[in-house]
N, C-alpha and C. Protein backbone atom coordinates (compact mmCIF):
# COMPACT_ATOMS: atom_id res chain seq x y z
N MET A 1 48.14 255.39 287.29
CA MET A 1 48.64 254.05 287.48
C MET A 1 49.84 254.15 288.42
N PHE A 2 49.89 253.29 289.42
CA PHE A 2 50.94 253.32 290.43
C PHE A 2 51.53 251.94 290.60
N ILE A 3 52.84 251.87 290.81
CA ILE A 3 53.52 250.59 291.01
C ILE A 3 54.43 250.69 292.22
N ILE A 4 54.45 249.62 293.01
CA ILE A 4 55.46 249.49 294.06
C ILE A 4 55.91 248.04 294.04
N SER A 5 57.20 247.86 294.14
CA SER A 5 57.76 246.52 294.16
C SER A 5 58.25 246.26 295.58
N SER A 6 57.70 245.24 296.21
CA SER A 6 57.94 245.04 297.64
C SER A 6 59.40 244.79 297.96
N GLY A 7 59.78 245.17 299.16
CA GLY A 7 61.12 244.92 299.65
C GLY A 7 62.15 245.91 299.14
N VAL A 8 61.75 246.77 298.22
CA VAL A 8 62.72 247.74 297.71
C VAL A 8 62.20 249.15 297.95
N ALA A 9 61.62 249.75 296.96
CA ALA A 9 61.11 251.11 297.06
C ALA A 9 60.08 251.29 295.97
N CYS A 10 59.53 252.48 295.85
CA CYS A 10 58.61 252.76 294.76
C CYS A 10 59.40 252.75 293.46
N THR A 11 58.90 252.04 292.46
CA THR A 11 59.60 251.97 291.19
C THR A 11 58.63 252.25 290.06
N GLY A 12 59.16 252.52 288.88
CA GLY A 12 58.30 252.81 287.74
C GLY A 12 57.72 254.20 287.86
N PHE A 13 56.49 254.38 287.42
CA PHE A 13 55.80 255.66 287.55
C PHE A 13 55.34 255.77 288.98
N VAL A 14 56.02 256.58 289.74
CA VAL A 14 55.83 256.58 291.18
C VAL A 14 54.75 257.57 291.59
N GLY A 15 53.81 257.07 292.39
CA GLY A 15 52.78 257.91 292.95
C GLY A 15 52.45 257.43 294.34
N CYS A 16 53.42 256.78 294.96
CA CYS A 16 53.20 256.19 296.28
C CYS A 16 53.12 257.27 297.34
N THR A 17 52.33 257.00 298.36
CA THR A 17 52.27 257.86 299.53
C THR A 17 52.95 257.11 300.66
N THR A 18 53.95 257.71 301.28
CA THR A 18 54.62 257.07 302.40
C THR A 18 54.61 258.02 303.58
N THR A 19 54.71 257.44 304.77
CA THR A 19 54.86 258.26 305.96
C THR A 19 56.22 257.94 306.55
N GLY A 20 56.80 258.85 307.27
CA GLY A 20 58.13 258.63 307.81
C GLY A 20 59.18 258.98 306.77
N LEU A 21 60.40 258.66 307.07
CA LEU A 21 61.51 258.98 306.19
C LEU A 21 61.67 257.91 305.13
N GLY A 22 62.00 258.32 303.94
CA GLY A 22 62.25 257.40 302.85
C GLY A 22 63.60 257.70 302.24
N THR A 23 64.09 256.78 301.45
CA THR A 23 65.36 256.95 300.78
C THR A 23 65.15 256.79 299.29
N VAL A 24 65.63 257.74 298.52
CA VAL A 24 65.59 257.64 297.08
C VAL A 24 67.00 257.43 296.60
N SER A 25 67.23 256.36 295.86
CA SER A 25 68.54 256.17 295.25
C SER A 25 68.32 256.21 293.74
N GLY A 26 69.18 256.92 293.05
CA GLY A 26 69.00 257.07 291.62
C GLY A 26 68.37 258.41 291.30
N THR A 27 67.82 258.50 290.11
CA THR A 27 67.26 259.74 289.61
C THR A 27 65.74 259.71 289.68
N ILE A 28 65.13 260.80 290.10
CA ILE A 28 63.68 260.92 290.11
C ILE A 28 63.26 261.52 288.77
N HIS A 29 62.29 260.86 288.12
CA HIS A 29 61.79 261.34 286.84
C HIS A 29 60.32 261.71 286.99
N VAL A 30 59.98 262.96 286.69
CA VAL A 30 58.61 263.43 286.76
C VAL A 30 58.29 264.17 285.46
N GLY A 31 57.30 263.70 284.72
CA GLY A 31 56.85 264.40 283.53
C GLY A 31 57.83 264.42 282.37
N ASP A 32 58.87 263.61 282.43
CA ASP A 32 59.82 263.55 281.32
C ASP A 32 59.58 262.27 280.51
N PRO A 33 60.30 262.08 279.40
CA PRO A 33 60.08 260.89 278.58
C PRO A 33 60.26 259.56 279.33
N ILE A 34 61.18 259.51 280.27
CA ILE A 34 61.39 258.28 281.03
C ILE A 34 60.17 257.99 281.90
N ALA A 35 59.65 259.00 282.58
CA ALA A 35 58.45 258.82 283.40
C ALA A 35 57.25 258.45 282.54
N ASN A 36 57.13 259.10 281.39
CA ASN A 36 56.01 258.79 280.49
C ASN A 36 56.08 257.35 279.99
N GLN A 37 57.28 256.87 279.66
CA GLN A 37 57.42 255.49 279.21
C GLN A 37 57.13 254.51 280.34
N ALA A 38 57.59 254.84 281.55
CA ALA A 38 57.29 253.98 282.70
C ALA A 38 55.79 253.89 282.92
N HIS A 39 55.09 255.01 282.79
CA HIS A 39 53.63 255.00 282.94
C HIS A 39 52.99 254.14 281.86
N ALA A 40 53.43 254.29 280.62
CA ALA A 40 52.89 253.48 279.53
C ALA A 40 53.13 252.00 279.78
N ASP A 41 54.32 251.66 280.27
CA ASP A 41 54.63 250.26 280.58
C ASP A 41 53.74 249.74 281.70
N ALA A 42 53.48 250.58 282.71
CA ALA A 42 52.60 250.17 283.82
C ALA A 42 51.18 249.92 283.32
N VAL A 43 50.69 250.79 282.45
CA VAL A 43 49.35 250.61 281.88
C VAL A 43 49.29 249.31 281.09
N THR A 44 50.32 249.03 280.30
CA THR A 44 50.37 247.78 279.53
C THR A 44 50.40 246.57 280.46
N ALA A 45 51.26 246.61 281.47
CA ALA A 45 51.35 245.49 282.42
C ALA A 45 50.01 245.27 283.12
N TYR A 46 49.38 246.35 283.55
CA TYR A 46 48.07 246.25 284.20
C TYR A 46 47.08 245.56 283.27
N GLY A 47 47.04 245.98 282.02
CA GLY A 47 46.10 245.41 281.05
C GLY A 47 46.35 243.93 280.80
N VAL A 48 47.61 243.57 280.65
CA VAL A 48 47.96 242.15 280.41
C VAL A 48 47.57 241.31 281.62
N LEU A 49 47.96 241.74 282.81
CA LEU A 49 47.66 240.97 284.02
C LEU A 49 46.15 240.92 284.29
N ALA A 50 45.46 242.04 284.10
CA ALA A 50 44.01 242.07 284.34
C ALA A 50 43.26 241.19 283.35
N GLY A 51 43.86 240.93 282.21
CA GLY A 51 43.23 240.11 281.18
C GLY A 51 43.44 238.61 281.34
N THR A 52 44.19 238.19 282.35
CA THR A 52 44.42 236.76 282.53
C THR A 52 43.16 236.08 283.05
N THR A 53 43.02 234.80 282.71
CA THR A 53 41.85 234.02 283.11
C THR A 53 41.99 233.55 284.55
N CYS A 54 40.92 233.73 285.32
CA CYS A 54 40.92 233.33 286.73
C CYS A 54 40.97 231.80 286.85
N THR A 55 41.82 231.32 287.76
CA THR A 55 41.79 229.89 288.10
C THR A 55 41.00 229.67 289.38
N THR A 56 40.89 230.71 290.21
CA THR A 56 40.12 230.65 291.45
C THR A 56 39.42 231.98 291.65
N ILE A 57 38.11 231.92 291.93
CA ILE A 57 37.36 233.14 292.23
C ILE A 57 37.04 233.12 293.72
N GLU A 58 37.52 234.14 294.41
CA GLU A 58 37.34 234.25 295.85
C GLU A 58 36.02 234.95 296.16
N PRO A 59 35.56 234.91 297.42
CA PRO A 59 34.35 235.65 297.79
C PRO A 59 34.51 237.14 297.50
N ALA A 60 33.39 237.85 297.44
CA ALA A 60 33.41 239.28 297.09
C ALA A 60 34.37 240.07 297.97
N VAL A 61 34.37 239.81 299.26
CA VAL A 61 35.33 240.43 300.17
C VAL A 61 36.02 239.29 300.89
N ALA A 62 37.33 239.18 300.70
CA ALA A 62 38.03 238.02 301.23
C ALA A 62 39.26 238.42 302.02
N ASP A 63 39.46 237.76 303.15
CA ASP A 63 40.71 237.87 303.90
C ASP A 63 41.47 236.58 303.65
N ILE A 64 42.60 236.69 302.97
CA ILE A 64 43.35 235.49 302.60
C ILE A 64 44.48 235.17 303.57
N GLY A 65 44.56 235.91 304.67
CA GLY A 65 45.52 235.57 305.71
C GLY A 65 45.19 234.19 306.27
N GLY A 66 46.22 233.45 306.65
CA GLY A 66 46.02 232.12 307.21
C GLY A 66 45.91 231.02 306.16
N GLN A 67 45.98 231.38 304.88
CA GLN A 67 45.87 230.38 303.82
C GLN A 67 47.23 230.05 303.24
N THR A 68 47.31 228.88 302.60
CA THR A 68 48.46 228.48 301.80
C THR A 68 47.95 228.30 300.38
N LEU A 69 48.54 229.04 299.44
CA LEU A 69 48.10 229.01 298.05
C LEU A 69 49.22 228.53 297.15
N THR A 70 48.84 227.89 296.05
CA THR A 70 49.79 227.45 295.03
C THR A 70 49.68 228.41 293.84
N PRO A 71 50.61 228.33 292.88
CA PRO A 71 50.57 229.25 291.75
C PRO A 71 49.21 229.24 291.04
N GLY A 72 48.79 230.40 290.57
CA GLY A 72 47.52 230.53 289.87
C GLY A 72 47.09 231.97 289.77
N VAL A 73 45.90 232.15 289.21
CA VAL A 73 45.31 233.48 289.07
C VAL A 73 44.10 233.53 290.00
N TYR A 74 44.22 234.33 291.05
CA TYR A 74 43.19 234.45 292.08
C TYR A 74 42.42 235.74 291.86
N CYS A 75 41.11 235.64 291.71
CA CYS A 75 40.30 236.80 291.40
C CYS A 75 39.36 237.14 292.55
N PHE A 76 39.33 238.42 292.88
CA PHE A 76 38.49 238.96 293.95
C PHE A 76 37.58 240.00 293.32
N PRO A 77 36.28 239.74 293.24
CA PRO A 77 35.38 240.69 292.59
C PRO A 77 35.38 242.07 293.25
N SER A 78 35.65 242.13 294.54
CA SER A 78 35.63 243.41 295.24
C SER A 78 36.96 243.65 295.93
N SER A 79 37.04 243.39 297.24
CA SER A 79 38.22 243.72 298.03
C SER A 79 38.93 242.48 298.55
N ALA A 80 40.20 242.66 298.88
CA ALA A 80 40.99 241.59 299.49
C ALA A 80 41.78 242.18 300.65
N ALA A 81 41.95 241.35 301.68
CA ALA A 81 42.73 241.75 302.85
C ALA A 81 43.67 240.62 303.21
N ILE A 82 44.75 240.98 303.89
CA ILE A 82 45.65 239.96 304.44
C ILE A 82 45.82 240.28 305.91
N THR A 83 45.28 239.40 306.75
CA THR A 83 45.46 239.49 308.20
C THR A 83 46.12 238.19 308.61
N GLY A 84 47.29 238.26 309.20
CA GLY A 84 48.03 237.04 309.52
C GLY A 84 48.98 236.71 308.38
N THR A 85 49.32 235.44 308.29
CA THR A 85 50.31 235.00 307.31
C THR A 85 49.64 234.36 306.10
N LEU A 86 50.00 234.84 304.92
CA LEU A 86 49.62 234.20 303.67
C LEU A 86 50.86 233.49 303.17
N THR A 87 50.77 232.18 302.95
CA THR A 87 51.91 231.40 302.47
C THR A 87 51.70 231.07 301.00
N LEU A 88 52.70 231.38 300.19
CA LEU A 88 52.68 231.03 298.77
C LEU A 88 53.66 229.88 298.58
N ASP A 89 53.13 228.75 298.12
CA ASP A 89 53.84 227.48 298.12
C ASP A 89 54.07 226.97 296.71
N GLY A 90 55.29 227.06 296.24
CA GLY A 90 55.65 226.46 294.96
C GLY A 90 56.10 227.47 293.93
N SER A 91 56.95 226.99 293.01
CA SER A 91 57.43 227.86 291.94
C SER A 91 56.32 228.04 290.91
N GLY A 92 56.32 229.16 290.26
CA GLY A 92 55.30 229.50 289.28
C GLY A 92 54.84 230.92 289.49
N VAL A 93 53.86 231.33 288.71
CA VAL A 93 53.37 232.70 288.75
C VAL A 93 52.10 232.78 289.59
N TYR A 94 52.04 233.81 290.43
CA TYR A 94 50.87 234.11 291.25
C TYR A 94 50.34 235.47 290.81
N ILE A 95 49.09 235.52 290.40
CA ILE A 95 48.45 236.79 290.04
C ILE A 95 47.21 236.93 290.91
N PHE A 96 47.12 238.07 291.60
CA PHE A 96 45.97 238.38 292.44
C PHE A 96 45.26 239.57 291.79
N LYS A 97 44.10 239.31 291.18
CA LYS A 97 43.31 240.35 290.52
C LYS A 97 42.22 240.79 291.49
N ILE A 98 42.31 242.03 291.93
CA ILE A 98 41.42 242.54 292.98
C ILE A 98 40.61 243.69 292.39
N GLY A 99 39.28 243.54 292.40
CA GLY A 99 38.40 244.52 291.77
C GLY A 99 38.46 245.90 292.36
N SER A 100 38.64 246.00 293.67
CA SER A 100 38.61 247.31 294.31
C SER A 100 39.88 247.56 295.12
N THR A 101 39.90 247.15 296.41
CA THR A 101 41.01 247.51 297.29
C THR A 101 41.74 246.30 297.84
N LEU A 102 43.01 246.51 298.15
CA LEU A 102 43.85 245.55 298.86
C LEU A 102 44.35 246.25 300.12
N VAL A 103 44.16 245.59 301.28
CA VAL A 103 44.61 246.17 302.55
C VAL A 103 45.32 245.08 303.35
N THR A 104 46.52 245.41 303.85
CA THR A 104 47.21 244.49 304.76
C THR A 104 47.00 244.99 306.18
N ALA A 105 46.96 244.06 307.13
CA ALA A 105 46.76 244.43 308.53
C ALA A 105 48.06 244.96 309.12
N ALA A 106 47.94 245.96 309.97
CA ALA A 106 49.11 246.52 310.65
C ALA A 106 49.66 245.51 311.63
N GLU A 107 50.98 245.38 311.65
CA GLU A 107 51.70 244.55 312.62
C GLU A 107 51.35 243.08 312.55
N ASN A 108 50.42 242.70 311.67
CA ASN A 108 49.93 241.34 311.76
C ASN A 108 49.71 240.71 310.41
N SER A 109 50.47 241.12 309.41
CA SER A 109 50.31 240.43 308.13
C SER A 109 51.66 240.31 307.45
N ASP A 110 51.84 239.15 306.85
CA ASP A 110 53.04 238.94 306.05
C ASP A 110 52.76 237.87 305.02
N VAL A 111 53.55 237.92 303.95
CA VAL A 111 53.49 236.91 302.90
C VAL A 111 54.79 236.13 302.98
N VAL A 112 54.67 234.81 303.13
CA VAL A 112 55.82 233.93 303.26
C VAL A 112 55.93 233.09 302.00
N LEU A 113 57.14 232.98 301.46
CA LEU A 113 57.38 232.23 300.23
C LEU A 113 58.11 230.93 300.56
N ILE A 114 57.57 229.79 300.09
CA ILE A 114 58.21 228.50 300.34
C ILE A 114 58.24 227.66 299.06
N ASN A 115 59.12 226.68 299.06
CA ASN A 115 59.20 225.68 297.98
C ASN A 115 59.31 226.29 296.59
N GLY A 116 60.15 227.30 296.46
CA GLY A 116 60.45 227.87 295.14
C GLY A 116 59.65 229.10 294.77
N ALA A 117 58.69 229.52 295.58
CA ALA A 117 57.96 230.76 295.28
C ALA A 117 58.92 231.94 295.40
N THR A 118 58.86 232.86 294.44
CA THR A 118 59.75 234.02 294.44
C THR A 118 58.94 235.30 294.21
N ALA A 119 59.40 236.39 294.81
CA ALA A 119 58.70 237.67 294.72
C ALA A 119 58.57 238.17 293.29
N ASP A 120 59.54 237.84 292.42
CA ASP A 120 59.47 238.34 291.05
C ASP A 120 58.39 237.66 290.22
N ASN A 121 57.73 236.65 290.76
CA ASN A 121 56.63 235.97 290.07
C ASN A 121 55.28 236.21 290.75
N ILE A 122 55.19 237.27 291.55
CA ILE A 122 53.94 237.58 292.27
C ILE A 122 53.47 238.97 291.85
N PHE A 123 52.21 239.05 291.43
CA PHE A 123 51.65 240.31 290.95
C PHE A 123 50.30 240.56 291.62
N TRP A 124 50.14 241.75 292.18
CA TRP A 124 48.90 242.20 292.80
C TRP A 124 48.34 243.28 291.89
N VAL A 125 47.23 243.00 291.22
CA VAL A 125 46.62 243.92 290.26
C VAL A 125 45.36 244.47 290.93
N VAL A 126 45.41 245.74 291.31
CA VAL A 126 44.37 246.31 292.18
C VAL A 126 43.57 247.36 291.40
N GLY A 127 42.25 247.17 291.36
CA GLY A 127 41.38 248.05 290.59
C GLY A 127 41.27 249.46 291.13
N SER A 128 41.56 249.65 292.40
CA SER A 128 41.49 250.98 293.00
C SER A 128 42.78 251.24 293.78
N SER A 129 42.73 251.06 295.10
CA SER A 129 43.86 251.44 295.96
C SER A 129 44.39 250.27 296.77
N ALA A 130 45.69 250.28 296.99
CA ALA A 130 46.35 249.31 297.87
C ALA A 130 46.88 250.06 299.08
N THR A 131 46.65 249.50 300.28
CA THR A 131 47.14 250.09 301.51
C THR A 131 47.96 249.05 302.26
N LEU A 132 49.24 249.33 302.42
CA LEU A 132 50.15 248.44 303.15
C LEU A 132 50.35 249.08 304.51
N ARG A 133 49.76 248.49 305.52
CA ARG A 133 49.77 249.10 306.85
C ARG A 133 51.08 248.86 307.58
N THR A 134 51.25 249.54 308.70
CA THR A 134 52.49 249.56 309.47
C THR A 134 53.06 248.18 309.71
N ASN A 135 54.33 248.03 309.34
CA ASN A 135 55.12 246.81 309.55
C ASN A 135 54.55 245.56 308.90
N SER A 136 53.69 245.71 307.91
CA SER A 136 53.23 244.54 307.17
C SER A 136 54.25 244.20 306.09
N VAL A 137 54.27 242.94 305.68
CA VAL A 137 55.23 242.47 304.67
C VAL A 137 54.44 241.88 303.51
N LEU A 138 54.60 242.46 302.33
CA LEU A 138 53.94 241.98 301.13
C LEU A 138 55.00 241.68 300.09
N GLU A 139 54.97 240.50 299.53
CA GLU A 139 55.94 240.11 298.51
C GLU A 139 55.33 240.34 297.12
N GLY A 140 56.16 240.70 296.16
CA GLY A 140 55.72 240.83 294.78
C GLY A 140 55.63 242.26 294.34
N THR A 141 54.97 242.45 293.21
CA THR A 141 54.79 243.76 292.60
C THR A 141 53.33 244.14 292.67
N VAL A 142 53.05 245.35 293.17
CA VAL A 142 51.69 245.86 293.25
C VAL A 142 51.50 246.87 292.13
N ILE A 143 50.46 246.67 291.33
CA ILE A 143 50.07 247.65 290.32
C ILE A 143 48.64 248.06 290.67
N ALA A 144 48.47 249.29 291.12
CA ALA A 144 47.15 249.77 291.53
C ALA A 144 46.72 250.91 290.61
N TYR A 145 45.44 250.90 290.25
CA TYR A 145 44.94 251.87 289.30
C TYR A 145 44.83 253.28 289.87
N THR A 146 44.53 253.40 291.18
CA THR A 146 44.32 254.72 291.77
C THR A 146 45.47 255.16 292.66
N SER A 147 45.84 254.32 293.66
CA SER A 147 46.89 254.75 294.58
C SER A 147 47.47 253.57 295.34
N ILE A 148 48.66 253.79 295.88
CA ILE A 148 49.30 252.85 296.80
C ILE A 148 49.77 253.67 298.00
N THR A 149 49.39 253.23 299.19
CA THR A 149 49.85 253.87 300.42
C THR A 149 50.64 252.84 301.20
N ALA A 150 51.89 253.16 301.51
CA ALA A 150 52.75 252.29 302.32
C ALA A 150 53.12 253.05 303.58
N THR A 151 52.67 252.57 304.73
CA THR A 151 52.93 253.27 305.98
C THR A 151 54.25 252.80 306.59
N ILE A 152 54.63 253.38 307.71
CA ILE A 152 55.94 253.14 308.34
C ILE A 152 56.20 251.65 308.50
N GLY A 153 57.34 251.21 308.01
CA GLY A 153 57.77 249.83 308.18
C GLY A 153 57.16 248.84 307.23
N ALA A 154 56.24 249.26 306.38
CA ALA A 154 55.65 248.34 305.41
C ALA A 154 56.66 248.02 304.33
N THR A 155 56.77 246.74 304.00
CA THR A 155 57.68 246.33 302.92
C THR A 155 56.97 245.37 301.99
């Protein structure tokens, strides 16, 4: 189980792959009780979020760039991509349940928050791997079952 919280750094049970230079502030925990508890918390969060009822079911493979979405639970049976700008409009919770992979486009994807939408209320629950490509901007918390890859400049 892997978690990354956008705009900051890898947090929780860290298994992120990054390229380029990174900065670690604080203490790194590997295989100790703190890391084990973080992993248990990530598994619990994944289970709770994955168990939420879908309000919208997207196509099997969907590119949600160019859309404006309101709070809700968006379900993708297979993969999701963001090419261009995804706008999240309004206060409330956004949950994106993705069956397989999440991929952002390099240099050409960002998530914009308007009218009260905040990153702390956005959750990306990914059944396999999330890939944040070069200089893409993703808001919220990503919980991926297999891996998260954040390339240079991805936030």
